[in-house]
Amino acid sequence: MTYGSGKYTYEIQEGWGQLPEGWTFGWIPAVAVGSEDRIYIYSRSERPMVVFDASGNFIMSWGEDILKDLSGEYITEWWDFRHPDDIFIDEDDTVYVAELDQRVTILTLDGEVLAQWGSERGSEIPGEFFACPHGIWTDSHGDLYVGEVQADNRLQKFIKQK
């Protein structure tokens, strides 16, 4: 069956992304693609980051045995993350994570933390987060955009320093 129209017509590929036997996905709030067309699926489950090639072959996972809540509720901690909600992978394969508890984390594809800021208390000070960083992206210059939801519904732009 096809979906869409014109040059935006798609066909579903059933069975894509088979997990190893006994594994299951939890709630999937984010999917990102790295430069090698590897698909990074953030699943709120005991295996939070699952990686596939473009054909759907399992490659690896990381963050195992860190999550405590498999019920689909907001996760209180994943590694040192607080309610991770969205991921973005830039052209240099740097991973950006928006955390609903007022924080942003930047890390490598292997999970090494490169930078992290924000606090558990909301702040209206520019550069801090008042409530729920929910979306995260970079542009072609490396500038970072973070969209917040709930209390203040704002978008902040962080200009990358050279």
C-alpha atoms as a PDB file:
ATOM      1  CA  MET A   1       0.000   0.000   0.000  1.00  0.00           C
ATOM      2  CA  THR A   2       1.250   3.503  -0.795  1.00  0.00           C
ATOM      3  CA  TYR A   3       0.857   6.748   1.146  1.00  0.00           C
ATOM      4  CA  GLY A   4       1.166  10.384   0.115  1.00  0.00           C
ATOM      5  CA  SER A   5       1.149  11.716  -3.434  1.00  0.00           C
ATOM      6  CA  GLY A   6       3.387  12.923  -6.261  1.00  0.00           C
ATOM      7  CA  LYS A   7       7.075  12.891  -5.442  1.00  0.00           C
ATOM      8  CA  TYR A   8       6.079  12.355  -1.782  1.00  0.00           C
ATOM      9  CA  THR A   9       4.639   8.879  -2.284  1.00  0.00           C
ATOM     10  CA  TYR A  10       5.800   6.198   0.127  1.00  0.00           C
ATOM     11  CA  GLU A  11       5.303   2.487   0.595  1.00  0.00           C
ATOM     12  CA  ILE A  12       5.407   0.847   4.015  1.00  0.00           C
ATOM     13  CA  GLN A  13       8.254  -1.626   4.542  1.00  0.00           C
ATOM     14  CA  GLU A  14       6.707  -4.129   6.910  1.00  0.00           C
ATOM     15  CA  GLY A  15       9.053  -5.903   9.291  1.00  0.00           C
ATOM     16  CA  TRP A  16      11.767  -3.231   9.091  1.00  0.00           C
ATOM     17  CA  GLY A  17      13.964  -2.963  12.175  1.00  0.00           C
ATOM     18  CA  GLN A  18      13.825  -6.390  13.748  1.00  0.00           C
ATOM     19  CA  LEU A  19      15.019  -6.417  17.340  1.00  0.00           C
ATOM     20  CA  PRO A  20      17.015  -9.318  18.768  1.00  0.00           C
ATOM     21  CA  GLU A  21      14.845 -12.110  20.149  1.00  0.00           C
ATOM     22  CA  GLY A  22      13.200 -11.220  23.450  1.00  0.00           C
ATOM     23  CA  TRP A  23      13.690  -7.460  23.045  1.00  0.00           C
ATOM     24  CA  THR A  24      10.824  -5.007  22.751  1.00  0.00           C
ATOM     25  CA  PHE A  25      10.513  -1.308  22.133  1.00  0.00           C
ATOM     26  CA  GLY A  26       8.931   0.946  24.717  1.00  0.00           C
ATOM     27  CA  TRP A  27       7.392   4.299  23.926  1.00  0.00           C
ATOM     28  CA  ILE A  28       9.397   5.839  21.032  1.00  0.00           C
ATOM     29  CA  PRO A  29       9.455   9.651  21.314  1.00  0.00           C
ATOM     30  CA  ALA A  30      12.357  10.212  18.911  1.00  0.00           C
ATOM     31  CA  VAL A  31      14.158   8.828  15.870  1.00  0.00           C
ATOM     32  CA  ALA A  32      17.258  10.337  14.236  1.00  0.00           C
ATOM     33  CA  VAL A  33      19.542   9.408  11.335  1.00  0.00           C
ATOM     34  CA  GLY A  34      23.340   9.672  11.436  1.00  0.00           C
ATOM     35  CA  SER A  35      25.638  10.441   8.500  1.00  0.00           C
ATOM     36  CA  GLU A  36      26.161   6.745   7.691  1.00  0.00           C
ATOM     37  CA  ASP A  37      22.372   6.283   7.361  1.00  0.00           C
ATOM     38  CA  ARG A  38      22.261   4.527  10.699  1.00  0.00           C
ATOM     39  CA  ILE A  39      18.874   4.920  12.364  1.00  0.00           C
ATOM     40  CA  TYR A  40      18.976   5.805  16.095  1.00  0.00           C
ATOM     41  CA  ILE A  41      15.727   4.953  17.862  1.00  0.00           C
ATOM     42  CA  TYR A  42      15.210   6.329  21.341  1.00  0.00           C
ATOM     43  CA  SER A  43      12.855   3.943  23.135  1.00  0.00           C
ATOM     44  CA  ARG A  44      11.726   4.373  26.713  1.00  0.00           C
ATOM     45  CA  SER A  45      12.661   0.836  27.605  1.00  0.00           C
ATOM     46  CA  GLU A  46      15.526  -1.057  29.184  1.00  0.00           C
ATOM     47  CA  ARG A  47      17.513  -0.515  25.946  1.00  0.00           C
ATOM     48  CA  PRO A  48      17.030   3.196  25.362  1.00  0.00           C
ATOM     49  CA  MET A  49      19.132   3.768  22.229  1.00  0.00           C
ATOM     50  CA  VAL A  50      18.801   1.109  19.534  1.00  0.00           C
ATOM     51  CA  VAL A  51      20.712   1.447  16.259  1.00  0.00           C
ATOM     52  CA  PHE A  52      19.841  -0.083  12.872  1.00  0.00           C
ATOM     53  CA  ASP A  53      21.332   0.240   9.403  1.00  0.00           C
ATOM     54  CA  ALA A  54      19.125   1.626   6.620  1.00  0.00           C
ATOM     55  CA  SER A  55      18.034  -1.909   5.701  1.00  0.00           C
ATOM     56  CA  GLY A  56      16.741  -2.472   9.235  1.00  0.00           C
ATOM     57  CA  ASN A  57      19.547  -4.724  10.470  1.00  0.00           C
ATOM     58  CA  PHE A  58      20.259  -4.365  14.186  1.00  0.00           C
ATOM     59  CA  ILE A  59      23.728  -2.903  14.826  1.00  0.00           C
ATOM     60  CA  MET A  60      23.955  -2.082  18.543  1.00  0.00           C
ATOM     61  CA  SER A  61      22.291  -0.487  21.523  1.00  0.00           C
ATOM     62  CA  TRP A  62      23.485   1.588  24.438  1.00  0.00           C
ATOM     63  CA  GLY A  63      22.176   2.763  27.779  1.00  0.00           C
ATOM     64  CA  GLU A  64      21.076  -0.741  28.839  1.00  0.00           C
ATOM     65  CA  ASP A  65      20.072  -1.489  32.419  1.00  0.00           C
ATOM     66  CA  ILE A  66      19.791   2.200  33.211  1.00  0.00           C
ATOM     67  CA  LEU A  67      16.048   2.757  32.915  1.00  0.00           C
ATOM     68  CA  LYS A  68      13.937   1.785  35.879  1.00  0.00           C
ATOM     69  CA  ASP A  69      10.432   2.349  34.495  1.00  0.00           C
ATOM     70  CA  LEU A  70       9.278   0.188  31.598  1.00  0.00           C
ATOM     71  CA  SER A  71       5.623   1.177  31.818  1.00  0.00           C
ATOM     72  CA  GLY A  72       5.796   3.954  29.222  1.00  0.00           C
ATOM     73  CA  GLU A  73       5.611   6.668  31.890  1.00  0.00           C
ATOM     74  CA  TYR A  74       8.176   9.466  31.834  1.00  0.00           C
ATOM     75  CA  ILE A  75      11.546   8.071  32.783  1.00  0.00           C
ATOM     76  CA  THR A  76      13.186   9.811  35.705  1.00  0.00           C
ATOM     77  CA  GLU A  77      16.749   8.921  34.778  1.00  0.00           C
ATOM     78  CA  TRP A  78      18.535   7.487  31.781  1.00  0.00           C
ATOM     79  CA  TRP A  79      22.238   7.453  32.374  1.00  0.00           C
ATOM     80  CA  ASP A  80      22.525  10.926  33.792  1.00  0.00           C
ATOM     81  CA  PHE A  81      19.551  12.153  31.754  1.00  0.00           C
ATOM     82  CA  ARG A  82      16.334  13.513  33.244  1.00  0.00           C
ATOM     83  CA  HIS A  83      13.183  12.694  31.260  1.00  0.00           C
ATOM     84  CA  PRO A  84      14.862  12.541  27.826  1.00  0.00           C
ATOM     85  CA  ASP A  85      12.319  13.420  25.161  1.00  0.00           C
ATOM     86  CA  ASP A  86      13.871  14.271  21.793  1.00  0.00           C
ATOM     87  CA  ILE A  87      17.108  13.507  19.975  1.00  0.00           C
ATOM     88  CA  PHE A  88      18.776  15.086  16.968  1.00  0.00           C
ATOM     89  CA  ILE A  89      21.959  13.971  15.202  1.00  0.00           C
ATOM     90  CA  ASP A  90      23.866  16.617  13.279  1.00  0.00           C
ATOM     91  CA  GLU A  91      26.004  16.232  10.157  1.00  0.00           C
ATOM     92  CA  ASP A  92      29.088  15.560  12.342  1.00  0.00           C
ATOM     93  CA  ASP A  93      27.248  12.705  14.121  1.00  0.00           C
ATOM     94  CA  THR A  94      26.915  14.611  17.368  1.00  0.00           C
ATOM     95  CA  VAL A  95      23.807  13.638  19.353  1.00  0.00           C
ATOM     96  CA  TYR A  96      21.651  16.321  21.005  1.00  0.00           C
ATOM     97  CA  VAL A  97      19.118  15.335  23.672  1.00  0.00           C
ATOM     98  CA  ALA A  98      16.279  17.550  24.954  1.00  0.00           C
ATOM     99  CA  GLU A  99      15.394  16.595  28.519  1.00  0.00           C
ATOM    100  CA  LEU A 100      11.983  17.520  29.901  1.00  0.00           C
ATOM    101  CA  ASP A 101      13.521  18.389  33.276  1.00  0.00           C
ATOM    102  CA  GLN A 102      15.049  21.653  31.995  1.00  0.00           C
ATOM    103  CA  ARG A 103      18.290  20.346  30.520  1.00  0.00           C
ATOM    104  CA  VAL A 104      20.125  19.714  27.240  1.00  0.00           C
ATOM    105  CA  THR A 105      22.823  17.062  26.799  1.00  0.00           C
ATOM    106  CA  ILE A 106      25.240  16.741  23.863  1.00  0.00           C
ATOM    107  CA  LEU A 107      27.085  13.461  23.321  1.00  0.00           C
ATOM    108  CA  THR A 108      28.842  11.167  20.844  1.00  0.00           C
ATOM    109  CA  LEU A 109      27.152   8.336  18.967  1.00  0.00           C
ATOM    110  CA  ASP A 110      28.679   5.981  21.547  1.00  0.00           C
ATOM    111  CA  GLY A 111      27.081   7.839  24.464  1.00  0.00           C
ATOM    112  CA  GLU A 112      30.042   9.902  25.719  1.00  0.00           C
ATOM    113  CA  VAL A 113      28.746  13.167  27.207  1.00  0.00           C
ATOM    114  CA  LEU A 114      30.384  16.198  25.575  1.00  0.00           C
ATOM    115  CA  ALA A 115      28.342  19.018  27.145  1.00  0.00           C
ATOM    116  CA  GLN A 116      25.332  19.459  29.386  1.00  0.00           C
ATOM    117  CA  TRP A 117      23.488  22.462  30.848  1.00  0.00           C
ATOM    118  CA  GLY A 118      20.299  23.416  32.589  1.00  0.00           C
ATOM    119  CA  SER A 119      19.018  22.707  36.076  1.00  0.00           C
ATOM    120  CA  GLU A 120      16.189  20.910  37.805  1.00  0.00           C
ATOM    121  CA  ARG A 121      14.589  24.245  38.666  1.00  0.00           C
ATOM    122  CA  GLY A 122      12.964  26.190  35.899  1.00  0.00           C
ATOM    123  CA  SER A 123      14.424  29.564  35.046  1.00  0.00           C
ATOM    124  CA  GLU A 124      13.274  32.331  32.734  1.00  0.00           C
ATOM    125  CA  ILE A 125      16.869  33.558  32.336  1.00  0.00           C
ATOM    126  CA  PRO A 126      17.894  33.365  28.655  1.00  0.00           C
ATOM    127  CA  GLY A 127      20.015  30.253  28.129  1.00  0.00           C
ATOM    128  CA  GLU A 128      18.284  28.390  30.937  1.00  0.00           C
ATOM    129  CA  PHE A 129      15.066  26.426  30.551  1.00  0.00           C
ATOM    130  CA  PHE A 130      11.839  27.251  32.315  1.00  0.00           C
ATOM    131  CA  ALA A 131       9.831  24.179  31.410  1.00  0.00           C
ATOM    132  CA  CYS A 132      10.290  21.111  29.298  1.00  0.00           C
ATOM    133  CA  PRO A 133      12.823  21.339  26.452  1.00  0.00           C
ATOM    134  CA  HIS A 134      10.891  19.241  23.964  1.00  0.00           C
ATOM    135  CA  GLY A 135      12.400  19.725  20.498  1.00  0.00           C
ATOM    136  CA  ILE A 136      16.068  20.112  19.581  1.00  0.00           C
ATOM    137  CA  TRP A 137      17.803  20.839  16.255  1.00  0.00           C
ATOM    138  CA  THR A 138      20.933  22.384  14.765  1.00  0.00           C
ATOM    139  CA  ASP A 139      21.266  24.371  11.551  1.00  0.00           C
ATOM    140  CA  SER A 140      23.995  24.329   8.896  1.00  0.00           C
ATOM    141  CA  HIS A 141      26.126  26.703  11.032  1.00  0.00           C
ATOM    142  CA  GLY A 142      25.984  24.449  14.093  1.00  0.00           C
ATOM    143  CA  ASP A 143      23.666  26.804  15.967  1.00  0.00           C
ATOM    144  CA  LEU A 144      21.355  24.986  18.359  1.00  0.00           C
ATOM    145  CA  TYR A 145      17.588  25.509  18.644  1.00  0.00           C
ATOM    146  CA  VAL A 146      15.615  24.261  21.634  1.00  0.00           C
ATOM    147  CA  GLY A 147      11.837  24.386  21.737  1.00  0.00           C
ATOM    148  CA  GLU A 148      10.137  24.398  25.133  1.00  0.00           C
ATOM    149  CA  VAL A 149       6.565  23.402  25.904  1.00  0.00           C
ATOM    150  CA  GLN A 150       4.144  23.910  28.744  1.00  0.00           C
ATOM    151  CA  ALA A 151       4.719  27.003  30.884  1.00  0.00           C
ATOM    152  CA  ASP A 152       6.481  29.324  28.451  1.00  0.00           C
ATOM    153  CA  ASN A 153       6.243  27.822  24.934  1.00  0.00           C
ATOM    154  CA  ARG A 154       9.424  29.427  23.680  1.00  0.00           C
ATOM    155  CA  LEU A 155      12.188  28.685  21.199  1.00  0.00           C
ATOM    156  CA  GLN A 156      15.761  29.537  22.159  1.00  0.00           C
ATOM    157  CA  LYS A 157      18.666  29.818  19.749  1.00  0.00           C
ATOM    158  CA  PHE A 158      22.184  29.113  20.968  1.00  0.00           C
ATOM    159  CA  ILE A 159      24.922  30.397  18.632  1.00  0.00           C
ATOM    160  CA  LYS A 160      27.827  27.969  18.363  1.00  0.00           C
ATOM    161  CA  GLN A 161      31.124  29.527  19.390  1.00  0.00           C
ATOM    162  CA  LYS A 162      34.007  28.879  17.010  1.00  0.00           C
END
